[in-house]
Amino acid sequence: MKTLYYDKKLVAGFIWILLISLIDHYLTIKFQANVIANEQNPIGAWLIMADGNSVALFMTLKMACLWVIAATLLKLYKTKPRSAYLGLAALSLAQLWVVFCLLQ
């Protein structure tokens, strides 16, 4: 039976992104009133308004985009692992920045 091999850096990066994303979603929902009042991203503000002043559509599309990016990074990893690592690092930092913004 063939043993599966996992790139530990890639797995750790995806676990990190998943955890940060979970925290982001939790804080966005918990502080929904503040997010609605202070959203600075014009697309995010438009999505919130389009959904009747709710963060549900905004967060759903945000998660969908995150999954598309993750799938793209996995596909990129097969041909250009170094580029996938750079993309993973950039996504990790962006996710962390979002959480810091929510905590202020």
PDB file of N, CA and C in Angstrom:
ATOM      1  N   MET A   1       0.839  -1.178   0.000  1.00  0.00           N
ATOM      2  CA  MET A   1       0.000   0.000   0.000  1.00  0.00           C
ATOM      3  C   MET A   1       0.886   1.245   0.000  1.00  0.00           C
ATOM      4  N   LYS A   2       0.573   2.166  -0.881  1.00  0.00           N
ATOM      5  CA  LYS A   2       1.371   3.374  -1.011  1.00  0.00           C
ATOM      6  C   LYS A   2       1.036   4.361   0.114  1.00  0.00           C
ATOM      7  N   THR A   3       2.073   4.920   0.735  1.00  0.00           N
ATOM      8  CA  THR A   3       1.885   5.905   1.795  1.00  0.00           C
ATOM      9  C   THR A   3       1.687   7.278   1.176  1.00  0.00           C
ATOM     10  N   LEU A   4       0.711   7.985   1.675  1.00  0.00           N
ATOM     11  CA  LEU A   4       0.487   9.342   1.193  1.00  0.00           C
ATOM     12  C   LEU A   4       1.542  10.273   1.761  1.00  0.00           C
ATOM     13  N   TYR A   5       2.036  11.177   0.940  1.00  0.00           N
ATOM     14  CA  TYR A   5       3.023  12.151   1.376  1.00  0.00           C
ATOM     15  C   TYR A   5       2.379  13.528   1.369  1.00  0.00           C
ATOM     16  N   TYR A   6       2.520  14.223   2.453  1.00  0.00           N
ATOM     17  CA  TYR A   6       2.003  15.578   2.542  1.00  0.00           C
ATOM     18  C   TYR A   6       3.148  16.545   2.780  1.00  0.00           C
ATOM     19  N   ASP A   7       3.121  17.641   2.074  1.00  0.00           N
ATOM     20  CA  ASP A   7       4.091  18.696   2.290  1.00  0.00           C
ATOM     21  C   ASP A   7       3.694  19.408   3.587  1.00  0.00           C
ATOM     22  N   LYS A   8       4.525  19.288   4.607  1.00  0.00           N
ATOM     23  CA  LYS A   8       4.179  19.814   5.932  1.00  0.00           C
ATOM     24  C   LYS A   8       3.994  21.329   5.929  1.00  0.00           C
ATOM     25  N   LYS A   9       4.795  22.040   5.140  1.00  0.00           N
ATOM     26  CA  LYS A   9       4.647  23.501   5.075  1.00  0.00           C
ATOM     27  C   LYS A   9       3.319  23.880   4.442  1.00  0.00           C
ATOM     28  N   LEU A  10       2.945  23.168   3.413  1.00  0.00           N
ATOM     29  CA  LEU A  10       1.683  23.455   2.734  1.00  0.00           C
ATOM     30  C   LEU A  10       0.498  23.151   3.656  1.00  0.00           C
ATOM     31  N   VAL A  11       0.541  22.013   4.317  1.00  0.00           N
ATOM     32  CA  VAL A  11      -0.543  21.646   5.245  1.00  0.00           C
ATOM     33  C   VAL A  11      -0.623  22.659   6.379  1.00  0.00           C
ATOM     34  N   ALA A  12       0.510  23.020   6.959  1.00  0.00           N
ATOM     35  CA  ALA A  12       0.518  24.002   8.049  1.00  0.00           C
ATOM     36  C   ALA A  12      -0.053  25.335   7.578  1.00  0.00           C
ATOM     37  N   GLY A  13       0.306  25.747   6.377  1.00  0.00           N
ATOM     38  CA  GLY A  13      -0.216  26.999   5.826  1.00  0.00           C
ATOM     39  C   GLY A  13      -1.723  26.966   5.660  1.00  0.00           C
ATOM     40  N   PHE A  14      -2.238  25.856   5.153  1.00  0.00           N
ATOM     41  CA  PHE A  14      -3.692  25.751   4.975  1.00  0.00           C
ATOM     42  C   PHE A  14      -4.425  25.654   6.315  1.00  0.00           C
ATOM     43  N   ILE A  15      -3.839  24.985   7.291  1.00  0.00           N
ATOM     44  CA  ILE A  15      -4.457  24.947   8.622  1.00  0.00           C
ATOM     45  C   ILE A  15      -4.485  26.351   9.219  1.00  0.00           C
ATOM     46  N   TRP A  16      -3.397  27.087   9.066  1.00  0.00           N
ATOM     47  CA  TRP A  16      -3.328  28.469   9.550  1.00  0.00           C
ATOM     48  C   TRP A  16      -4.420  29.322   8.898  1.00  0.00           C
ATOM     49  N   ILE A  17      -4.548  29.230   7.587  1.00  0.00           N
ATOM     50  CA  ILE A  17      -5.560  30.006   6.870  1.00  0.00           C
ATOM     51  C   ILE A  17      -6.963  29.609   7.324  1.00  0.00           C
ATOM     52  N   LEU A  18      -7.199  28.335   7.513  1.00  0.00           N
ATOM     53  CA  LEU A  18      -8.500  27.877   7.987  1.00  0.00           C
ATOM     54  C   LEU A  18      -8.809  28.449   9.370  1.00  0.00           C
ATOM     55  N   LEU A  19      -7.850  28.377  10.280  1.00  0.00           N
ATOM     56  CA  LEU A  19      -8.078  28.904  11.627  1.00  0.00           C
ATOM     57  C   LEU A  19      -8.328  30.412  11.620  1.00  0.00           C
ATOM     58  N   ILE A  20      -7.531  31.141  10.866  1.00  0.00           N
ATOM     59  CA  ILE A  20      -7.711  32.596  10.791  1.00  0.00           C
ATOM     60  C   ILE A  20      -9.059  32.916  10.148  1.00  0.00           C
ATOM     61  N   SER A  21      -9.433  32.160   9.140  1.00  0.00           N
ATOM     62  CA  SER A  21     -10.724  32.373   8.489  1.00  0.00           C
ATOM     63  C   SER A  21     -11.878  32.121   9.458  1.00  0.00           C
ATOM     64  N   LEU A  22     -11.762  31.085  10.271  1.00  0.00           N
ATOM     65  CA  LEU A  22     -12.795  30.808  11.272  1.00  0.00           C
ATOM     66  C   LEU A  22     -12.916  31.957  12.276  1.00  0.00           C
ATOM     67  N   ILE A  23     -11.773  32.464  12.722  1.00  0.00           N
ATOM     68  CA  ILE A  23     -11.788  33.599  13.651  1.00  0.00           C
ATOM     69  C   ILE A  23     -12.398  34.824  12.980  1.00  0.00           C
ATOM     70  N   ASP A  24     -12.019  35.065  11.744  1.00  0.00           N
ATOM     71  CA  ASP A  24     -12.572  36.190  10.973  1.00  0.00           C
ATOM     72  C   ASP A  24     -14.089  36.089  10.874  1.00  0.00           C
ATOM     73  N   HIS A  25     -14.585  34.934  10.524  1.00  0.00           N
ATOM     74  CA  HIS A  25     -16.033  34.762  10.396  1.00  0.00           C
ATOM     75  C   HIS A  25     -16.740  34.939  11.740  1.00  0.00           C
ATOM     76  N   TYR A  26     -16.177  34.360  12.776  1.00  0.00           N
ATOM     77  CA  TYR A  26     -16.777  34.492  14.108  1.00  0.00           C
ATOM     78  C   TYR A  26     -16.858  35.964  14.525  1.00  0.00           C
ATOM     79  N   LEU A  27     -15.718  36.672  14.398  1.00  0.00           N
ATOM     80  CA  LEU A  27     -15.698  38.074  14.823  1.00  0.00           C
ATOM     81  C   LEU A  27     -16.595  38.948  13.957  1.00  0.00           C
ATOM     82  N   THR A  28     -16.653  38.666  12.664  1.00  0.00           N
ATOM     83  CA  THR A  28     -17.517  39.448  11.780  1.00  0.00           C
ATOM     84  C   THR A  28     -18.980  39.283  12.172  1.00  0.00           C
ATOM     85  N   ILE A  29     -19.366  38.064  12.477  1.00  0.00           N
ATOM     86  CA  ILE A  29     -20.755  37.830  12.879  1.00  0.00           C
ATOM     87  C   ILE A  29     -21.013  38.409  14.264  1.00  0.00           C
ATOM     88  N   LYS A  30     -20.075  38.213  15.185  1.00  0.00           N
ATOM     89  CA  LYS A  30     -20.246  38.726  16.546  1.00  0.00           C
ATOM     90  C   LYS A  30     -20.358  40.247  16.565  1.00  0.00           C
ATOM     91  N   PHE A  31     -19.513  40.920  15.778  1.00  0.00           N
ATOM     92  CA  PHE A  31     -19.509  42.385  15.751  1.00  0.00           C
ATOM     93  C   PHE A  31     -20.175  42.915  14.480  1.00  0.00           C
ATOM     94  N   GLN A  32     -21.199  42.225  14.039  1.00  0.00           N
ATOM     95  CA  GLN A  32     -21.905  42.543  12.809  1.00  0.00           C
ATOM     96  C   GLN A  32     -22.343  44.012  12.738  1.00  0.00           C
ATOM     97  N   ALA A  33     -22.860  44.542  13.818  1.00  0.00           N
ATOM     98  CA  ALA A  33     -23.333  45.936  13.820  1.00  0.00           C
ATOM     99  C   ALA A  33     -22.185  46.898  13.522  1.00  0.00           C
ATOM    100  N   ASN A  34     -21.018  46.656  14.114  1.00  0.00           N
ATOM    101  CA  ASN A  34     -19.857  47.514  13.855  1.00  0.00           C
ATOM    102  C   ASN A  34     -19.351  47.351  12.423  1.00  0.00           C
ATOM    103  N   VAL A  35     -19.364  46.126  11.929  1.00  0.00           N
ATOM    104  CA  VAL A  35     -18.903  45.863  10.564  1.00  0.00           C
ATOM    105  C   VAL A  35     -19.825  46.577   9.570  1.00  0.00           C
ATOM    106  N   ILE A  36     -21.125  46.461   9.799  1.00  0.00           N
ATOM    107  CA  ILE A  36     -22.093  47.110   8.905  1.00  0.00           C
ATOM    108  C   ILE A  36     -21.889  48.618   8.900  1.00  0.00           C
ATOM    109  N   ALA A  37     -21.672  49.202  10.064  1.00  0.00           N
ATOM    110  CA  ALA A  37     -21.526  50.662  10.169  1.00  0.00           C
ATOM    111  C   ALA A  37     -20.189  51.169   9.641  1.00  0.00           C
ATOM    112  N   ASN A  38     -19.155  50.337   9.710  1.00  0.00           N
ATOM    113  CA  ASN A  38     -17.805  50.832   9.410  1.00  0.00           C
ATOM    114  C   ASN A  38     -17.098  50.147   8.252  1.00  0.00           C
ATOM    115  N   GLU A  39     -17.786  49.341   7.466  1.00  0.00           N
ATOM    116  CA  GLU A  39     -17.135  48.639   6.355  1.00  0.00           C
ATOM    117  C   GLU A  39     -16.557  49.654   5.368  1.00  0.00           C
ATOM    118  N   GLN A  40     -15.250  49.559   5.132  1.00  0.00           N
ATOM    119  CA  GLN A  40     -14.575  50.521   4.260  1.00  0.00           C
ATOM    120  C   GLN A  40     -14.377  49.999   2.840  1.00  0.00           C
ATOM    121  N   ASN A  41     -14.467  48.696   2.662  1.00  0.00           N
ATOM    122  CA  ASN A  41     -14.340  48.123   1.336  1.00  0.00           C
ATOM    123  C   ASN A  41     -15.651  48.400   0.585  1.00  0.00           C
ATOM    124  N   PRO A  42     -15.600  49.136  -0.527  1.00  0.00           N
ATOM    125  CA  PRO A  42     -16.836  49.476  -1.240  1.00  0.00           C
ATOM    126  C   PRO A  42     -17.623  48.252  -1.722  1.00  0.00           C
ATOM    127  N   ILE A  43     -16.919  47.205  -2.120  1.00  0.00           N
ATOM    128  CA  ILE A  43     -17.616  45.990  -2.549  1.00  0.00           C
ATOM    129  C   ILE A  43     -18.298  45.337  -1.355  1.00  0.00           C
ATOM    130  N   GLY A  44     -17.584  45.260  -0.240  1.00  0.00           N
ATOM    131  CA  GLY A  44     -18.163  44.702   0.979  1.00  0.00           C
ATOM    132  C   GLY A  44     -19.373  45.497   1.439  1.00  0.00           C
ATOM    133  N   ALA A  45     -19.253  46.824   1.421  1.00  0.00           N
ATOM    134  CA  ALA A  45     -20.374  47.687   1.832  1.00  0.00           C
ATOM    135  C   ALA A  45     -21.567  47.479   0.898  1.00  0.00           C
ATOM    136  N   TRP A  46     -21.308  47.361  -0.398  1.00  0.00           N
ATOM    137  CA  TRP A  46     -22.397  47.145  -1.356  1.00  0.00           C
ATOM    138  C   TRP A  46     -23.086  45.800  -1.105  1.00  0.00           C
ATOM    139  N   LEU A  47     -22.284  44.751  -0.836  1.00  0.00           N
ATOM    140  CA  LEU A  47     -22.857  43.430  -0.557  1.00  0.00           C
ATOM    141  C   LEU A  47     -23.713  43.447   0.714  1.00  0.00           C
ATOM    142  N   ILE A  48     -23.244  44.163   1.714  1.00  0.00           N
ATOM    143  CA  ILE A  48     -24.005  44.278   2.961  1.00  0.00           C
ATOM    144  C   ILE A  48     -25.326  44.993   2.707  1.00  0.00           C
ATOM    145  N   MET A  49     -25.274  46.077   1.960  1.00  0.00           N
ATOM    146  CA  MET A  49     -26.507  46.811   1.638  1.00  0.00           C
ATOM    147  C   MET A  49     -27.437  45.961   0.772  1.00  0.00           C
ATOM    148  N   ALA A  50     -26.877  45.248  -0.191  1.00  0.00           N
ATOM    149  CA  ALA A  50     -27.691  44.424  -1.093  1.00  0.00           C
ATOM    150  C   ALA A  50     -28.399  43.298  -0.345  1.00  0.00           C
ATOM    151  N   ASP A  51     -27.857  42.900   0.788  1.00  0.00           N
ATOM    152  CA  ASP A  51     -28.449  41.814   1.575  1.00  0.00           C
ATOM    153  C   ASP A  51     -29.275  42.343   2.747  1.00  0.00           C
ATOM    154  N   GLY A  52     -29.725  43.589   2.657  1.00  0.00           N
ATOM    155  CA  GLY A  52     -30.584  44.149   3.698  1.00  0.00           C
ATOM    156  C   GLY A  52     -29.862  44.408   5.006  1.00  0.00           C
ATOM    157  N   ASN A  53     -28.672  44.983   4.931  1.00  0.00           N
ATOM    158  CA  ASN A  53     -27.847  45.286   6.100  1.00  0.00           C
ATOM    159  C   ASN A  53     -27.522  44.043   6.929  1.00  0.00           C
ATOM    160  N   SER A  54     -27.103  42.999   6.235  1.00  0.00           N
ATOM    161  CA  SER A  54     -26.676  41.757   6.863  1.00  0.00           C
ATOM    162  C   SER A  54     -25.308  41.385   6.308  1.00  0.00           C
ATOM    163  N   VAL A  55     -24.493  40.757   7.130  1.00  0.00           N
ATOM    164  CA  VAL A  55     -23.163  40.340   6.664  1.00  0.00           C
ATOM    165  C   VAL A  55     -23.180  38.951   6.023  1.00  0.00           C
ATOM    166  N   ALA A  56     -24.342  38.317   5.938  1.00  0.00           N
ATOM    167  CA  ALA A  56     -24.429  36.935   5.448  1.00  0.00           C
ATOM    168  C   ALA A  56     -23.899  36.780   4.020  1.00  0.00           C
ATOM    169  N   LEU A  57     -24.378  37.588   3.090  1.00  0.00           N
ATOM    170  CA  LEU A  57     -23.927  37.495   1.697  1.00  0.00           C
ATOM    171  C   LEU A  57     -22.445  37.838   1.589  1.00  0.00           C
ATOM    172  N   PHE A  58     -22.032  38.880   2.279  1.00  0.00           N
ATOM    173  CA  PHE A  58     -20.636  39.319   2.298  1.00  0.00           C
ATOM    174  C   PHE A  58     -19.719  38.184   2.754  1.00  0.00           C
ATOM    175  N   MET A  59     -20.072  37.524   3.852  1.00  0.00           N
ATOM    176  CA  MET A  59     -19.232  36.461   4.386  1.00  0.00           C
ATOM    177  C   MET A  59     -19.289  35.198   3.525  1.00  0.00           C
ATOM    178  N   THR A  60     -20.441  34.928   2.932  1.00  0.00           N
ATOM    179  CA  THR A  60     -20.557  33.760   2.058  1.00  0.00           C
ATOM    180  C   THR A  60     -19.659  33.917   0.833  1.00  0.00           C
ATOM    181  N   LEU A  61     -19.700  35.086   0.208  1.00  0.00           N
ATOM    182  CA  LEU A  61     -18.843  35.316  -0.963  1.00  0.00           C
ATOM    183  C   LEU A  61     -17.369  35.373  -0.576  1.00  0.00           C
ATOM    184  N   LYS A  62     -17.094  35.901   0.599  1.00  0.00           N
ATOM    185  CA  LYS A  62     -15.716  35.943   1.077  1.00  0.00           C
ATOM    186  C   LYS A  62     -15.176  34.523   1.240  1.00  0.00           C
ATOM    187  N   MET A  63     -15.987  33.631   1.818  1.00  0.00           N
ATOM    188  CA  MET A  63     -15.559  32.246   1.993  1.00  0.00           C
ATOM    189  C   MET A  63     -15.425  31.537   0.641  1.00  0.00           C
ATOM    190  N   ALA A  64     -16.347  31.799  -0.271  1.00  0.00           N
ATOM    191  CA  ALA A  64     -16.267  31.180  -1.597  1.00  0.00           C
ATOM    192  C   ALA A  64     -14.979  31.605  -2.308  1.00  0.00           C
ATOM    193  N   CYS A  65     -14.640  32.867  -2.215  1.00  0.00           N
ATOM    194  CA  CYS A  65     -13.397  33.361  -2.833  1.00  0.00           C
ATOM    195  C   CYS A  65     -12.178  32.716  -2.179  1.00  0.00           C
ATOM    196  N   LEU A  66     -12.227  32.535  -0.869  1.00  0.00           N
ATOM    197  CA  LEU A  66     -11.125  31.892  -0.163  1.00  0.00           C
ATOM    198  C   LEU A  66     -10.930  30.460  -0.664  1.00  0.00           C
ATOM    199  N   TRP A  67     -12.019  29.733  -0.890  1.00  0.00           N
ATOM    200  CA  TRP A  67     -11.911  28.367  -1.395  1.00  0.00           C
ATOM    201  C   TRP A  67     -11.379  28.334  -2.822  1.00  0.00           C
ATOM    202  N   VAL A  68     -11.777  29.293  -3.642  1.00  0.00           N
ATOM    203  CA  VAL A  68     -11.258  29.369  -5.013  1.00  0.00           C
ATOM    204  C   VAL A  68      -9.747  29.630  -4.988  1.00  0.00           C
ATOM    205  N   ILE A  69      -9.322  30.549  -4.120  1.00  0.00           N
ATOM    206  CA  ILE A  69      -7.896  30.853  -4.004  1.00  0.00           C
ATOM    207  C   ILE A  69      -7.137  29.623  -3.505  1.00  0.00           C
ATOM    208  N   ALA A  70      -7.690  28.933  -2.516  1.00  0.00           N
ATOM    209  CA  ALA A  70      -7.031  27.733  -1.983  1.00  0.00           C
ATOM    210  C   ALA A  70      -6.905  26.658  -3.063  1.00  0.00           C
ATOM    211  N   ALA A  71      -7.954  26.445  -3.827  1.00  0.00           N
ATOM    212  CA  ALA A  71      -7.909  25.450  -4.908  1.00  0.00           C
ATOM    213  C   ALA A  71      -6.878  25.850  -5.963  1.00  0.00           C
ATOM    214  N   THR A  72      -6.811  27.132  -6.264  1.00  0.00           N
ATOM    215  CA  THR A  72      -5.830  27.633  -7.230  1.00  0.00           C
ATOM    216  C   THR A  72      -4.407  27.401  -6.726  1.00  0.00           C
ATOM    217  N   LEU A  73      -4.181  27.654  -5.428  1.00  0.00           N
ATOM    218  CA  LEU A  73      -2.851  27.434  -4.857  1.00  0.00           C
ATOM    219  C   LEU A  73      -2.468  25.945  -4.895  1.00  0.00           C
ATOM    220  N   LEU A  74      -3.426  25.078  -4.636  1.00  0.00           N
ATOM    221  CA  LEU A  74      -3.136  23.645  -4.702  1.00  0.00           C
ATOM    222  C   LEU A  74      -2.779  23.215  -6.119  1.00  0.00           C
ATOM    223  N   LYS A  75      -3.495  23.745  -7.087  1.00  0.00           N
ATOM    224  CA  LYS A  75      -3.193  23.432  -8.487  1.00  0.00           C
ATOM    225  C   LYS A  75      -1.816  23.994  -8.870  1.00  0.00           C
ATOM    226  N   LEU A  76      -1.536  25.224  -8.427  1.00  0.00           N
ATOM    227  CA  LEU A  76      -0.247  25.853  -8.707  1.00  0.00           C
ATOM    228  C   LEU A  76       0.894  25.067  -8.066  1.00  0.00           C
ATOM    229  N   TYR A  77       0.634  24.509  -6.890  1.00  0.00           N
ATOM    230  CA  TYR A  77       1.661  23.755  -6.169  1.00  0.00           C
ATOM    231  C   TYR A  77       2.188  22.578  -6.999  1.00  0.00           C
ATOM    232  N   LYS A  78       1.347  21.992  -7.813  1.00  0.00           N
ATOM    233  CA  LYS A  78       1.758  20.839  -8.627  1.00  0.00           C
ATOM    234  C   LYS A  78       2.822  21.209  -9.652  1.00  0.00           C
ATOM    235  N   THR A  79       2.752  22.461 -10.155  1.00  0.00           N
ATOM    236  CA  THR A  79       3.699  22.862 -11.196  1.00  0.00           C
ATOM    237  C   THR A  79       4.765  23.832 -10.698  1.00  0.00           C
ATOM    238  N   LYS A  80       4.384  24.707  -9.768  1.00  0.00           N
ATOM    239  CA  LYS A  80       5.316  25.715  -9.264  1.00  0.00           C
ATOM    240  C   LYS A  80       5.181  25.831  -7.741  1.00  0.00           C
ATOM    241  N   PRO A  81       5.777  24.910  -6.996  1.00  0.00           N
ATOM    242  CA  PRO A  81       5.617  24.911  -5.544  1.00  0.00           C
ATOM    243  C   PRO A  81       6.060  26.212  -4.875  1.00  0.00           C
ATOM    244  N   ARG A  82       7.140  26.791  -5.364  1.00  0.00           N
ATOM    245  CA  ARG A  82       7.638  28.029  -4.747  1.00  0.00           C
ATOM    246  C   ARG A  82       6.611  29.162  -4.882  1.00  0.00           C
ATOM    247  N   SER A  83       5.995  29.280  -6.030  1.00  0.00           N
ATOM    248  CA  SER A  83       4.952  30.291  -6.230  1.00  0.00           C
ATOM    249  C   SER A  83       3.751  30.014  -5.334  1.00  0.00           C
ATOM    250  N   ALA A  84       3.427  28.749  -5.142  1.00  0.00           N
ATOM    251  CA  ALA A  84       2.314  28.387  -4.259  1.00  0.00           C
ATOM    252  C   ALA A  84       2.633  28.784  -2.820  1.00  0.00           C
ATOM    253  N   TYR A  85       3.877  28.567  -2.393  1.00  0.00           N
ATOM    254  CA  TYR A  85       4.272  28.982  -1.036  1.00  0.00           C
ATOM    255  C   TYR A  85       4.145  30.496  -0.863  1.00  0.00           C
ATOM    256  N   LEU A  86       4.573  31.242  -1.874  1.00  0.00           N
ATOM    257  CA  LEU A  86       4.470  32.704  -1.799  1.00  0.00           C
ATOM    258  C   LEU A  86       3.003  33.145  -1.734  1.00  0.00           C
ATOM    259  N   GLY A  87       2.162  32.522  -2.549  1.00  0.00           N
ATOM    260  CA  GLY A  87       0.740  32.839  -2.517  1.00  0.00           C
ATOM    261  C   GLY A  87       0.120  32.479  -1.182  1.00  0.00           C
ATOM    262  N   LEU A  88       0.515  31.351  -0.630  1.00  0.00           N
ATOM    263  CA  LEU A  88       0.018  30.915   0.673  1.00  0.00           C
ATOM    264  C   LEU A  88       0.441  31.886   1.768  1.00  0.00           C
ATOM    265  N   ALA A  89       1.678  32.350   1.707  1.00  0.00           N
ATOM    266  CA  ALA A  89       2.157  33.325   2.692  1.00  0.00           C
ATOM    267  C   ALA A  89       1.390  34.635   2.570  1.00  0.00           C
ATOM    268  N   ALA A  90       1.162  35.093   1.345  1.00  0.00           N
ATOM    269  CA  ALA A  90       0.421  36.330   1.139  1.00  0.00           C
ATOM    270  C   ALA A  90      -1.012  36.197   1.651  1.00  0.00           C
ATOM    271  N   LEU A  91      -1.654  35.083   1.376  1.00  0.00           N
ATOM    272  CA  LEU A  91      -3.018  34.853   1.842  1.00  0.00           C
ATOM    273  C   LEU A  91      -3.052  34.785   3.367  1.00  0.00           C
ATOM    274  N   SER A  92      -2.072  34.153   3.970  1.00  0.00           N
ATOM    275  CA  SER A  92      -2.001  34.069   5.431  1.00  0.00           C
ATOM    276  C   SER A  92      -1.891  35.452   6.059  1.00  0.00           C
ATOM    277  N   LEU A  93      -1.038  36.273   5.502  1.00  0.00           N
ATOM    278  CA  LEU A  93      -0.871  37.637   6.033  1.00  0.00           C
ATOM    279  C   LEU A  93      -2.129  38.471   5.824  1.00  0.00           C
ATOM    280  N   ALA A  94      -2.764  38.334   4.682  1.00  0.00           N
ATOM    281  CA  ALA A  94      -4.000  39.080   4.423  1.00  0.00           C
ATOM    282  C   ALA A  94      -5.093  38.669   5.403  1.00  0.00           C
ATOM    283  N   GLN A  95      -5.222  37.374   5.666  1.00  0.00           N
ATOM    284  CA  GLN A  95      -6.225  36.886   6.613  1.00  0.00           C
ATOM    285  C   GLN A  95      -5.940  37.418   8.016  1.00  0.00           C
ATOM    286  N   LEU A  96      -4.673  37.412   8.416  1.00  0.00           N
ATOM    287  CA  LEU A  96      -4.301  37.906   9.729  1.00  0.00           C
ATOM    288  C   LEU A  96      -4.593  39.395   9.860  1.00  0.00           C
ATOM    289  N   TRP A  97      -4.322  40.157   8.804  1.00  0.00           N
ATOM    290  CA  TRP A  97      -4.599  41.596   8.807  1.00  0.00           C
ATOM    291  C   TRP A  97      -6.097  41.855   9.001  1.00  0.00           C
ATOM    292  N   VAL A  98      -6.934  41.071   8.366  1.00  0.00           N
ATOM    293  CA  VAL A  98      -8.396  41.222   8.508  1.00  0.00           C
ATOM    294  C   VAL A  98      -8.807  41.018   9.960  1.00  0.00           C
ATOM    295  N   VAL A  99      -8.230  40.004  10.610  1.00  0.00           N
ATOM    296  CA  VAL A  99      -8.571  39.761  12.016  1.00  0.00           C
ATOM    297  C   VAL A  99      -8.122  40.929  12.895  1.00  0.00           C
ATOM    298  N   PHE A 100      -6.938  41.453  12.652  1.00  0.00           N
ATOM    299  CA  PHE A 100      -6.483  42.602  13.425  1.00  0.00           C
ATOM    300  C   PHE A 100      -7.403  43.794  13.229  1.00  0.00           C
ATOM    301  N   CYS A 101      -7.887  43.988  12.024  1.00  0.00           N
ATOM    302  CA  CYS A 101      -8.830  45.083  11.766  1.00  0.00           C
ATOM    303  C   CYS A 101     -10.133  44.879  12.544  1.00  0.00           C
ATOM    304  N   LEU A 102     -10.590  43.649  12.632  1.00  0.00           N
ATOM    305  CA  LEU A 102     -11.839  43.366  13.358  1.00  0.00           C
ATOM    306  C   LEU A 102     -11.676  43.563  14.859  1.00  0.00           C
ATOM    307  N   LEU A 103     -10.458  43.370  15.372  1.00  0.00           N
ATOM    308  CA  LEU A 103     -10.229  43.498  16.806  1.00  0.00           C
ATOM    309  C   LEU A 103     -10.050  44.945  17.275  1.00  0.00           C
ATOM    310  N   GLN A 104      -9.946  45.865  16.340  1.00  0.00           N
ATOM    311  CA  GLN A 104      -9.755  47.275  16.721  1.00  0.00           C
ATOM    312  C   GLN A 104     -11.065  47.944  16.973  1.00  0.00           C
TER     313      GLN A 104
END
